[in-house]
Amino acid sequence: MLGRLAIERYLGRALAKLPYGAGSSLLHVVGGDMGGGCEWQAAPNYRASVRRGTSAVTLDQDGKIARLTTVWDGAMIPDADIKALILQSLD
């Protein structure tokens, strides 16, 4: 996702359905002047499959969020669930 508004809209639609959304927990945090990241444990309904992932935030020259990148093993959940999550990304 690129840009604060696009990220905000996406998370508003999808956060309740994502492994790193409601019920997930923070494990580790790293960061610096240009952004940072975290490792998270998946929300309870994903813990048996996805378990953990990482998210990173890149800041622009004004210190505002410019990019959100999240990585987790999507191969661990059913294709239908992945397709439903992909639809959440359409803006």
PDB file of N, CA and C in Angstrom:
ATOM      1  N   MET A   1       0.838  -1.165   0.000  1.00  0.00           N
ATOM      2  CA  MET A   1       0.000   0.000   0.000  1.00  0.00           C
ATOM      3  C   MET A   1       0.887   1.233   0.000  1.00  0.00           C
ATOM      4  N   LEU A   2       0.520   2.191  -0.773  1.00  0.00           N
ATOM      5  CA  LEU A   2       1.267   3.442  -0.851  1.00  0.00           C
ATOM      6  C   LEU A   2       0.391   4.605  -0.420  1.00  0.00           C
ATOM      7  N   GLY A   3       0.911   5.455   0.442  1.00  0.00           N
ATOM      8  CA  GLY A   3       0.220   6.662   0.872  1.00  0.00           C
ATOM      9  C   GLY A   3      -0.666   6.443   2.081  1.00  0.00           C
ATOM     10  N   ARG A   4      -0.657   7.424   2.960  1.00  0.00           N
ATOM     11  CA  ARG A   4      -1.384   7.315   4.217  1.00  0.00           C
ATOM     12  C   ARG A   4      -2.871   7.070   4.009  1.00  0.00           C
ATOM     13  N   LEU A   5      -3.507   7.797   3.101  1.00  0.00           N
ATOM     14  CA  LEU A   5      -4.943   7.647   2.912  1.00  0.00           C
ATOM     15  C   LEU A   5      -5.311   6.275   2.369  1.00  0.00           C
ATOM     16  N   ALA A   6      -4.542   5.765   1.420  1.00  0.00           N
ATOM     17  CA  ALA A   6      -4.800   4.426   0.879  1.00  0.00           C
ATOM     18  C   ALA A   6      -4.616   3.366   1.960  1.00  0.00           C
ATOM     19  N   ILE A   7      -3.583   3.522   2.768  1.00  0.00           N
ATOM     20  CA  ILE A   7      -3.333   2.579   3.862  1.00  0.00           C
ATOM     21  C   ILE A   7      -4.477   2.638   4.873  1.00  0.00           C
ATOM     22  N   GLU A   8      -4.895   3.843   5.199  1.00  0.00           N
ATOM     23  CA  GLU A   8      -5.987   4.023   6.153  1.00  0.00           C
ATOM     24  C   GLU A   8      -7.274   3.378   5.654  1.00  0.00           C
ATOM     25  N   ARG A   9      -7.614   3.587   4.394  1.00  0.00           N
ATOM     26  CA  ARG A   9      -8.827   2.983   3.828  1.00  0.00           C
ATOM     27  C   ARG A   9      -8.738   1.462   3.841  1.00  0.00           C
ATOM     28  N   TYR A  10      -7.583   0.936   3.427  1.00  0.00           N
ATOM     29  CA  TYR A  10      -7.405  -0.510   3.391  1.00  0.00           C
ATOM     30  C   TYR A  10      -7.550  -1.113   4.781  1.00  0.00           C
ATOM     31  N   LEU A  11      -6.850  -0.555   5.755  1.00  0.00           N
ATOM     32  CA  LEU A  11      -6.920  -1.107   7.109  1.00  0.00           C
ATOM     33  C   LEU A  11      -8.331  -0.975   7.679  1.00  0.00           C
ATOM     34  N   GLY A  12      -9.027   0.079   7.333  1.00  0.00           N
ATOM     35  CA  GLY A  12     -10.407   0.228   7.777  1.00  0.00           C
ATOM     36  C   GLY A  12     -11.300  -0.894   7.269  1.00  0.00           C
ATOM     37  N   ARG A  13     -11.069  -1.334   6.047  1.00  0.00           N
ATOM     38  CA  ARG A  13     -11.851  -2.415   5.447  1.00  0.00           C
ATOM     39  C   ARG A  13     -11.405  -3.786   5.929  1.00  0.00           C
ATOM     40  N   ALA A  14     -10.108  -3.983   6.060  1.00  0.00           N
ATOM     41  CA  ALA A  14      -9.569  -5.338   6.169  1.00  0.00           C
ATOM     42  C   ALA A  14      -9.045  -5.752   7.538  1.00  0.00           C
ATOM     43  N   LEU A  15      -8.754  -4.821   8.402  1.00  0.00           N
ATOM     44  CA  LEU A  15      -8.035  -5.153   9.635  1.00  0.00           C
ATOM     45  C   LEU A  15      -8.712  -6.239  10.468  1.00  0.00           C
ATOM     46  N   ALA A  16     -10.019  -6.220  10.543  1.00  0.00           N
ATOM     47  CA  ALA A  16     -10.724  -7.232  11.348  1.00  0.00           C
ATOM     48  C   ALA A  16     -10.591  -8.635  10.764  1.00  0.00           C
ATOM     49  N   LYS A  17     -10.222  -8.733   9.477  1.00  0.00           N
ATOM     50  CA  LYS A  17     -10.152 -10.030   8.802  1.00  0.00           C
ATOM     51  C   LYS A  17      -8.727 -10.539   8.587  1.00  0.00           C
ATOM     52  N   LEU A  18      -7.731  -9.721   8.916  1.00  0.00           N
ATOM     53  CA  LEU A  18      -6.331 -10.056   8.652  1.00  0.00           C
ATOM     54  C   LEU A  18      -5.669 -10.772   9.827  1.00  0.00           C
ATOM     55  N   PRO A  19      -4.666 -11.608   9.548  1.00  0.00           N
ATOM     56  CA  PRO A  19      -3.951 -12.283  10.634  1.00  0.00           C
ATOM     57  C   PRO A  19      -3.299 -11.316  11.609  1.00  0.00           C
ATOM     58  N   TYR A  20      -2.928 -10.124  11.133  1.00  0.00           N
ATOM     59  CA  TYR A  20      -2.284  -9.143  11.998  1.00  0.00           C
ATOM     60  C   TYR A  20      -3.270  -8.097  12.507  1.00  0.00           C
ATOM     61  N   GLY A  21      -4.555  -8.410  12.424  1.00  0.00           N
ATOM     62  CA  GLY A  21      -5.593  -7.490  12.872  1.00  0.00           C
ATOM     63  C   GLY A  21      -6.018  -7.751  14.308  1.00  0.00           C
ATOM     64  N   ALA A  22      -7.308  -7.595  14.542  1.00  0.00           N
ATOM     65  CA  ALA A  22      -7.864  -7.731  15.883  1.00  0.00           C
ATOM     66  C   ALA A  22      -7.474  -9.064  16.507  1.00  0.00           C
ATOM     67  N   GLY A  23      -6.946  -9.002  17.708  1.00  0.00           N
ATOM     68  CA  GLY A  23      -6.542 -10.200  18.433  1.00  0.00           C
ATOM     69  C   GLY A  23      -5.101 -10.599  18.232  1.00  0.00           C
ATOM     70  N   SER A  24      -4.401  -9.983  17.267  1.00  0.00           N
ATOM     71  CA  SER A  24      -2.980 -10.283  17.088  1.00  0.00           C
ATOM     72  C   SER A  24      -2.194  -9.630  18.218  1.00  0.00           C
ATOM     73  N   SER A  25      -0.956 -10.047  18.393  1.00  0.00           N
ATOM     74  CA  SER A  25      -0.148  -9.444  19.447  1.00  0.00           C
ATOM     75  C   SER A  25       1.243  -9.114  18.928  1.00  0.00           C
ATOM     76  N   LEU A  26       1.803  -8.088  19.489  1.00  0.00           N
ATOM     77  CA  LEU A  26       3.113  -7.577  19.108  1.00  0.00           C
ATOM     78  C   LEU A  26       4.200  -8.397  19.785  1.00  0.00           C
ATOM     79  N   LEU A  27       5.214  -8.816  19.003  1.00  0.00           N
ATOM     80  CA  LEU A  27       6.310  -9.605  19.567  1.00  0.00           C
ATOM     81  C   LEU A  27       7.613  -8.823  19.641  1.00  0.00           C
ATOM     82  N   HIS A  28       7.997  -8.164  18.557  1.00  0.00           N
ATOM     83  CA  HIS A  28       9.241  -7.392  18.514  1.00  0.00           C
ATOM     84  C   HIS A  28       9.028  -6.135  17.674  1.00  0.00           C
ATOM     85  N   VAL A  29       9.737  -5.069  18.038  1.00  0.00           N
ATOM     86  CA  VAL A  29       9.653  -3.807  17.305  1.00  0.00           C
ATOM     87  C   VAL A  29      11.057  -3.297  17.035  1.00  0.00           C
ATOM     88  N   VAL A  30      11.293  -2.805  15.810  1.00  0.00           N
ATOM     89  CA  VAL A  30      12.555  -2.163  15.445  1.00  0.00           C
ATOM     90  C   VAL A  30      12.217  -0.915  14.648  1.00  0.00           C
ATOM     91  N   GLY A  31      13.142   0.035  14.615  1.00  0.00           N
ATOM     92  CA  GLY A  31      12.852   1.216  13.825  1.00  0.00           C
ATOM     93  C   GLY A  31      13.944   2.250  13.868  1.00  0.00           C
ATOM     94  N   GLY A  32      13.753   3.263  13.055  1.00  0.00           N
ATOM     95  CA  GLY A  32      14.690   4.361  12.947  1.00  0.00           C
ATOM     96  C   GLY A  32      13.989   5.578  12.386  1.00  0.00           C
ATOM     97  N   ASP A  33      14.761   6.554  11.939  1.00  0.00           N
ATOM     98  CA  ASP A  33      14.211   7.818  11.457  1.00  0.00           C
ATOM     99  C   ASP A  33      13.336   7.677  10.213  1.00  0.00           C
ATOM    100  N   MET A  34      13.546   6.653   9.400  1.00  0.00           N
ATOM    101  CA  MET A  34      12.796   6.519   8.151  1.00  0.00           C
ATOM    102  C   MET A  34      11.690   5.461   8.219  1.00  0.00           C
ATOM    103  N   GLY A  35      11.437   4.940   9.416  1.00  0.00           N
ATOM    104  CA  GLY A  35      10.364   3.971   9.551  1.00  0.00           C
ATOM    105  C   GLY A  35      10.748   2.877  10.509  1.00  0.00           C
ATOM    106  N   GLY A  36       9.996   1.819  10.479  1.00  0.00           N
ATOM    107  CA  GLY A  36      10.269   0.719  11.384  1.00  0.00           C
ATOM    108  C   GLY A  36       9.400  -0.470  11.050  1.00  0.00           C
ATOM    109  N   GLY A  37       9.489  -1.454  11.907  1.00  0.00           N
ATOM    110  CA  GLY A  37       8.724  -2.656  11.666  1.00  0.00           C
ATOM    111  C   GLY A  37       8.479  -3.416  12.941  1.00  0.00           C
ATOM    112  N   CYS A  38       7.687  -4.446  12.819  1.00  0.00           N
ATOM    113  CA  CYS A  38       7.395  -5.291  13.972  1.00  0.00           C
ATOM    114  C   CYS A  38       7.156  -6.718  13.519  1.00  0.00           C
ATOM    115  N   GLU A  39       7.378  -7.610  14.436  1.00  0.00           N
ATOM    116  CA  GLU A  39       6.982  -9.010  14.264  1.00  0.00           C
ATOM    117  C   GLU A  39       5.738  -9.195  15.106  1.00  0.00           C
ATOM    118  N   TRP A  40       4.762  -9.901  14.589  1.00  0.00           N
ATOM    119  CA  TRP A  40       3.514 -10.096  15.305  1.00  0.00           C
ATOM    120  C   TRP A  40       3.130 -11.565  15.327  1.00  0.00           C
ATOM    121  N   GLN A  41       2.338 -11.917  16.331  1.00  0.00           N
ATOM    122  CA  GLN A  41       1.717 -13.239  16.417  1.00  0.00           C
ATOM    123  C   GLN A  41       0.300 -13.075  15.905  1.00  0.00           C
ATOM    124  N   ALA A  42      -0.137 -13.993  15.081  1.00  0.00           N
ATOM    125  CA  ALA A  42      -1.437 -13.878  14.417  1.00  0.00           C
ATOM    126  C   ALA A  42      -2.596 -13.866  15.402  1.00  0.00           C
ATOM    127  N   ALA A  43      -3.699 -13.303  14.933  1.00  0.00           N
ATOM    128  CA  ALA A  43      -4.953 -13.327  15.676  1.00  0.00           C
ATOM    129  C   ALA A  43      -5.351 -14.778  15.942  1.00  0.00           C
ATOM    130  N   PRO A  44      -6.131 -15.025  16.987  1.00  0.00           N
ATOM    131  CA  PRO A  44      -6.461 -16.403  17.372  1.00  0.00           C
ATOM    132  C   PRO A  44      -6.985 -17.291  16.249  1.00  0.00           C
ATOM    133  N   ASN A  45      -7.831 -16.766  15.364  1.00  0.00           N
ATOM    134  CA  ASN A  45      -8.377 -17.616  14.299  1.00  0.00           C
ATOM    135  C   ASN A  45      -7.345 -17.981  13.236  1.00  0.00           C
ATOM    136  N   TYR A  46      -6.143 -17.416  13.281  1.00  0.00           N
ATOM    137  CA  TYR A  46      -5.071 -17.749  12.342  1.00  0.00           C
ATOM    138  C   TYR A  46      -3.885 -18.449  13.011  1.00  0.00           C
ATOM    139  N   ARG A  47      -3.878 -18.572  14.320  1.00  0.00           N
ATOM    140  CA  ARG A  47      -2.683 -19.072  15.019  1.00  0.00           C
ATOM    141  C   ARG A  47      -2.292 -20.481  14.642  1.00  0.00           C
ATOM    142  N   ALA A  48      -3.230 -21.320  14.275  1.00  0.00           N
ATOM    143  CA  ALA A  48      -2.897 -22.695  13.899  1.00  0.00           C
ATOM    144  C   ALA A  48      -2.265 -22.765  12.515  1.00  0.00           C
ATOM    145  N   SER A  49      -2.463 -21.726  11.701  1.00  0.00           N
ATOM    146  CA  SER A  49      -1.947 -21.779  10.335  1.00  0.00           C
ATOM    147  C   SER A  49      -0.836 -20.761  10.096  1.00  0.00           C
ATOM    148  N   VAL A  50      -1.122 -19.490  10.182  1.00  0.00           N
ATOM    149  CA  VAL A  50      -0.150 -18.444   9.856  1.00  0.00           C
ATOM    150  C   VAL A  50       0.880 -18.261  10.965  1.00  0.00           C
ATOM    151  N   ARG A  51       0.443 -18.244  12.180  1.00  0.00           N
ATOM    152  CA  ARG A  51       1.250 -18.080  13.401  1.00  0.00           C
ATOM    153  C   ARG A  51       1.901 -16.713  13.540  1.00  0.00           C
ATOM    154  N   ARG A  52       2.849 -16.336  12.670  1.00  0.00           N
ATOM    155  CA  ARG A  52       3.583 -15.078  12.821  1.00  0.00           C
ATOM    156  C   ARG A  52       3.810 -14.408  11.474  1.00  0.00           C
ATOM    157  N   GLY A  53       4.132 -13.121  11.536  1.00  0.00           N
ATOM    158  CA  GLY A  53       4.474 -12.365  10.343  1.00  0.00           C
ATOM    159  C   GLY A  53       5.191 -11.091  10.734  1.00  0.00           C
ATOM    160  N   THR A  54       5.489 -10.266   9.731  1.00  0.00           N
ATOM    161  CA  THR A  54       6.154  -8.991   9.986  1.00  0.00           C
ATOM    162  C   THR A  54       5.449  -7.884   9.210  1.00  0.00           C
ATOM    163  N   SER A  55       5.508  -6.691   9.762  1.00  0.00           N
ATOM    164  CA  SER A  55       4.970  -5.510   9.101  1.00  0.00           C
ATOM    165  C   SER A  55       6.003  -4.404   9.204  1.00  0.00           C
ATOM    166  N   ALA A  56       6.120  -3.613   8.139  1.00  0.00           N
ATOM    167  CA  ALA A  56       7.068  -2.495   8.115  1.00  0.00           C
ATOM    168  C   ALA A  56       6.357  -1.240   7.636  1.00  0.00           C
ATOM    169  N   VAL A  57       6.751  -0.115   8.212  1.00  0.00           N
ATOM    170  CA  VAL A  57       6.217   1.189   7.830  1.00  0.00           C
ATOM    171  C   VAL A  57       7.385   2.039   7.338  1.00  0.00           C
ATOM    172  N   THR A  58       7.247   2.602   6.136  1.00  0.00           N
ATOM    173  CA  THR A  58       8.248   3.515   5.589  1.00  0.00           C
ATOM    174  C   THR A  58       7.692   4.924   5.673  1.00  0.00           C
ATOM    175  N   LEU A  59       8.525   5.836   6.142  1.00  0.00           N
ATOM    176  CA  LEU A  59       8.109   7.229   6.264  1.00  0.00           C
ATOM    177  C   LEU A  59       8.682   8.048   5.120  1.00  0.00           C
ATOM    178  N   ASP A  60       7.964   9.125   4.745  1.00  0.00           N
ATOM    179  CA  ASP A  60       8.485  10.022   3.717  1.00  0.00           C
ATOM    180  C   ASP A  60       9.410  11.056   4.361  1.00  0.00           C
ATOM    181  N   GLN A  61       9.892  11.999   3.573  1.00  0.00           N
ATOM    182  CA  GLN A  61      10.849  12.992   4.081  1.00  0.00           C
ATOM    183  C   GLN A  61      10.253  13.895   5.159  1.00  0.00           C
ATOM    184  N   ASP A  62       8.910  13.946   5.237  1.00  0.00           N
ATOM    185  CA  ASP A  62       8.243  14.737   6.265  1.00  0.00           C
ATOM    186  C   ASP A  62       7.881  13.911   7.498  1.00  0.00           C
ATOM    187  N   GLY A  63       8.301  12.656   7.500  1.00  0.00           N
ATOM    188  CA  GLY A  63       8.008  11.785   8.634  1.00  0.00           C
ATOM    189  C   GLY A  63       6.598  11.225   8.632  1.00  0.00           C
ATOM    190  N   LYS A  64       5.919  11.300   7.482  1.00  0.00           N
ATOM    191  CA  LYS A  64       4.565  10.769   7.362  1.00  0.00           C
ATOM    192  C   LYS A  64       4.615   9.390   6.729  1.00  0.00           C
ATOM    193  N   ILE A  65       3.646   8.560   7.066  1.00  0.00           N
ATOM    194  CA  ILE A  65       3.608   7.202   6.540  1.00  0.00           C
ATOM    195  C   ILE A  65       3.461   7.235   5.024  1.00  0.00           C
ATOM    196  N   ALA A  66       4.382   6.553   4.342  1.00  0.00           N
ATOM    197  CA  ALA A  66       4.359   6.502   2.883  1.00  0.00           C
ATOM    198  C   ALA A  66       4.049   5.098   2.364  1.00  0.00           C
ATOM    199  N   ARG A  67       4.430   4.071   3.127  1.00  0.00           N
ATOM    200  CA  ARG A  67       4.250   2.706   2.640  1.00  0.00           C
ATOM    201  C   ARG A  67       4.065   1.766   3.825  1.00  0.00           C
ATOM    202  N   LEU A  68       3.186   0.788   3.639  1.00  0.00           N
ATOM    203  CA  LEU A  68       2.988  -0.294   4.592  1.00  0.00           C
ATOM    204  C   LEU A  68       3.243  -1.599   3.865  1.00  0.00           C
ATOM    205  N   THR A  69       4.129  -2.400   4.406  1.00  0.00           N
ATOM    206  CA  THR A  69       4.432  -3.708   3.822  1.00  0.00           C
ATOM    207  C   THR A  69       4.259  -4.755   4.907  1.00  0.00           C
ATOM    208  N   THR A  70       3.510  -5.795   4.612  1.00  0.00           N
ATOM    209  CA  THR A  70       3.298  -6.877   5.567  1.00  0.00           C
ATOM    210  C   THR A  70       3.585  -8.196   4.880  1.00  0.00           C
ATOM    211  N   VAL A  71       4.276  -9.074   5.604  1.00  0.00           N
ATOM    212  CA  VAL A  71       4.647 -10.380   5.054  1.00  0.00           C
ATOM    213  C   VAL A  71       4.213 -11.467   6.019  1.00  0.00           C
ATOM    214  N   TRP A  72       3.528 -12.458   5.473  1.00  0.00           N
ATOM    215  CA  TRP A  72       3.160 -13.647   6.232  1.00  0.00           C
ATOM    216  C   TRP A  72       2.915 -14.767   5.236  1.00  0.00           C
ATOM    217  N   ASP A  73       2.882 -15.989   5.698  1.00  0.00           N
ATOM    218  CA  ASP A  73       2.788 -17.144   4.810  1.00  0.00           C
ATOM    219  C   ASP A  73       1.344 -17.427   4.435  1.00  0.00           C
ATOM    220  N   GLY A  74       0.894 -16.803   3.362  1.00  0.00           N
ATOM    221  CA  GLY A  74      -0.473 -16.974   2.891  1.00  0.00           C
ATOM    222  C   GLY A  74      -0.768 -18.373   2.373  1.00  0.00           C
ATOM    223  N   ALA A  75       0.263 -19.156   2.104  1.00  0.00           N
ATOM    224  CA  ALA A  75       0.054 -20.526   1.642  1.00  0.00           C
ATOM    225  C   ALA A  75      -0.531 -21.409   2.739  1.00  0.00           C
ATOM    226  N   MET A  76      -0.532 -20.893   3.957  1.00  0.00           N
ATOM    227  CA  MET A  76      -0.994 -21.687   5.087  1.00  0.00           C
ATOM    228  C   MET A  76      -2.506 -21.603   5.311  1.00  0.00           C
ATOM    229  N   ILE A  77      -3.202 -20.750   4.552  1.00  0.00           N
ATOM    230  CA  ILE A  77      -4.646 -20.656   4.724  1.00  0.00           C
ATOM    231  C   ILE A  77      -5.334 -21.011   3.401  1.00  0.00           C
ATOM    232  N   PRO A  78      -6.595 -21.387   3.467  1.00  0.00           N
ATOM    233  CA  PRO A  78      -7.308 -21.813   2.252  1.00  0.00           C
ATOM    234  C   PRO A  78      -7.361 -20.719   1.180  1.00  0.00           C
ATOM    235  N   ASP A  79      -7.358 -21.157  -0.081  1.00  0.00           N
ATOM    236  CA  ASP A  79      -7.421 -20.228  -1.212  1.00  0.00           C
ATOM    237  C   ASP A  79      -8.617 -19.281  -1.123  1.00  0.00           C
ATOM    238  N   ALA A  80      -9.747 -19.786  -0.673  1.00  0.00           N
ATOM    239  CA  ALA A  80     -10.947 -18.937  -0.579  1.00  0.00           C
ATOM    240  C   ALA A  80     -10.717 -17.782   0.399  1.00  0.00           C
ATOM    241  N   ASP A  81     -10.003 -18.047   1.478  1.00  0.00           N
ATOM    242  CA  ASP A  81      -9.704 -16.992   2.451  1.00  0.00           C
ATOM    243  C   ASP A  81      -8.757 -15.958   1.847  1.00  0.00           C
ATOM    244  N   ILE A  82      -7.754 -16.431   1.101  1.00  0.00           N
ATOM    245  CA  ILE A  82      -6.820 -15.512   0.438  1.00  0.00           C
ATOM    246  C   ILE A  82      -7.578 -14.640  -0.562  1.00  0.00           C
ATOM    247  N   LYS A  83      -8.460 -15.240  -1.342  1.00  0.00           N
ATOM    248  CA  LYS A  83      -9.235 -14.479  -2.323  1.00  0.00           C
ATOM    249  C   LYS A  83     -10.089 -13.414  -1.643  1.00  0.00           C
ATOM    250  N   ALA A  84     -10.698 -13.750  -0.502  1.00  0.00           N
ATOM    251  CA  ALA A  84     -11.496 -12.765   0.224  1.00  0.00           C
ATOM    252  C   ALA A  84     -10.636 -11.617   0.722  1.00  0.00           C
ATOM    253  N   LEU A  85      -9.412 -11.913   1.176  1.00  0.00           N
ATOM    254  CA  LEU A  85      -8.513 -10.860   1.637  1.00  0.00           C
ATOM    255  C   LEU A  85      -8.027  -9.996   0.476  1.00  0.00           C
ATOM    256  N   ILE A  86      -7.804 -10.611  -0.678  1.00  0.00           N
ATOM    257  CA  ILE A  86      -7.387  -9.841  -1.861  1.00  0.00           C
ATOM    258  C   ILE A  86      -8.467  -8.831  -2.243  1.00  0.00           C
ATOM    259  N   LEU A  87      -9.719  -9.235  -2.161  1.00  0.00           N
ATOM    260  CA  LEU A  87     -10.801  -8.316  -2.491  1.00  0.00           C
ATOM    261  C   LEU A  87     -10.811  -7.097  -1.578  1.00  0.00           C
ATOM    262  N   GLN A  88     -10.355  -7.254  -0.343  1.00  0.00           N
ATOM    263  CA  GLN A  88     -10.283  -6.119   0.578  1.00  0.00           C
ATOM    264  C   GLN A  88      -9.288  -5.068   0.111  1.00  0.00           C
ATOM    265  N   SER A  89      -8.319  -5.481  -0.710  1.00  0.00           N
ATOM    266  CA  SER A  89      -7.288  -4.536  -1.147  1.00  0.00           C
ATOM    267  C   SER A  89      -7.730  -3.642  -2.308  1.00  0.00           C
ATOM    268  N   LEU A  90      -8.855  -3.954  -2.919  1.00  0.00           N
ATOM    269  CA  LEU A  90      -9.342  -3.140  -4.023  1.00  0.00           C
ATOM    270  C   LEU A  90      -9.884  -1.825  -3.503  1.00  0.00           C
ATOM    271  N   ASP A  91      -9.396  -0.746  -4.071  1.00  0.00           N
ATOM    272  CA  ASP A  91      -9.763   0.578  -3.574  1.00  0.00           C
ATOM    273  C   ASP A  91     -10.665   1.301  -4.542  1.00  0.00           C
TER     274      ASP A  91
END
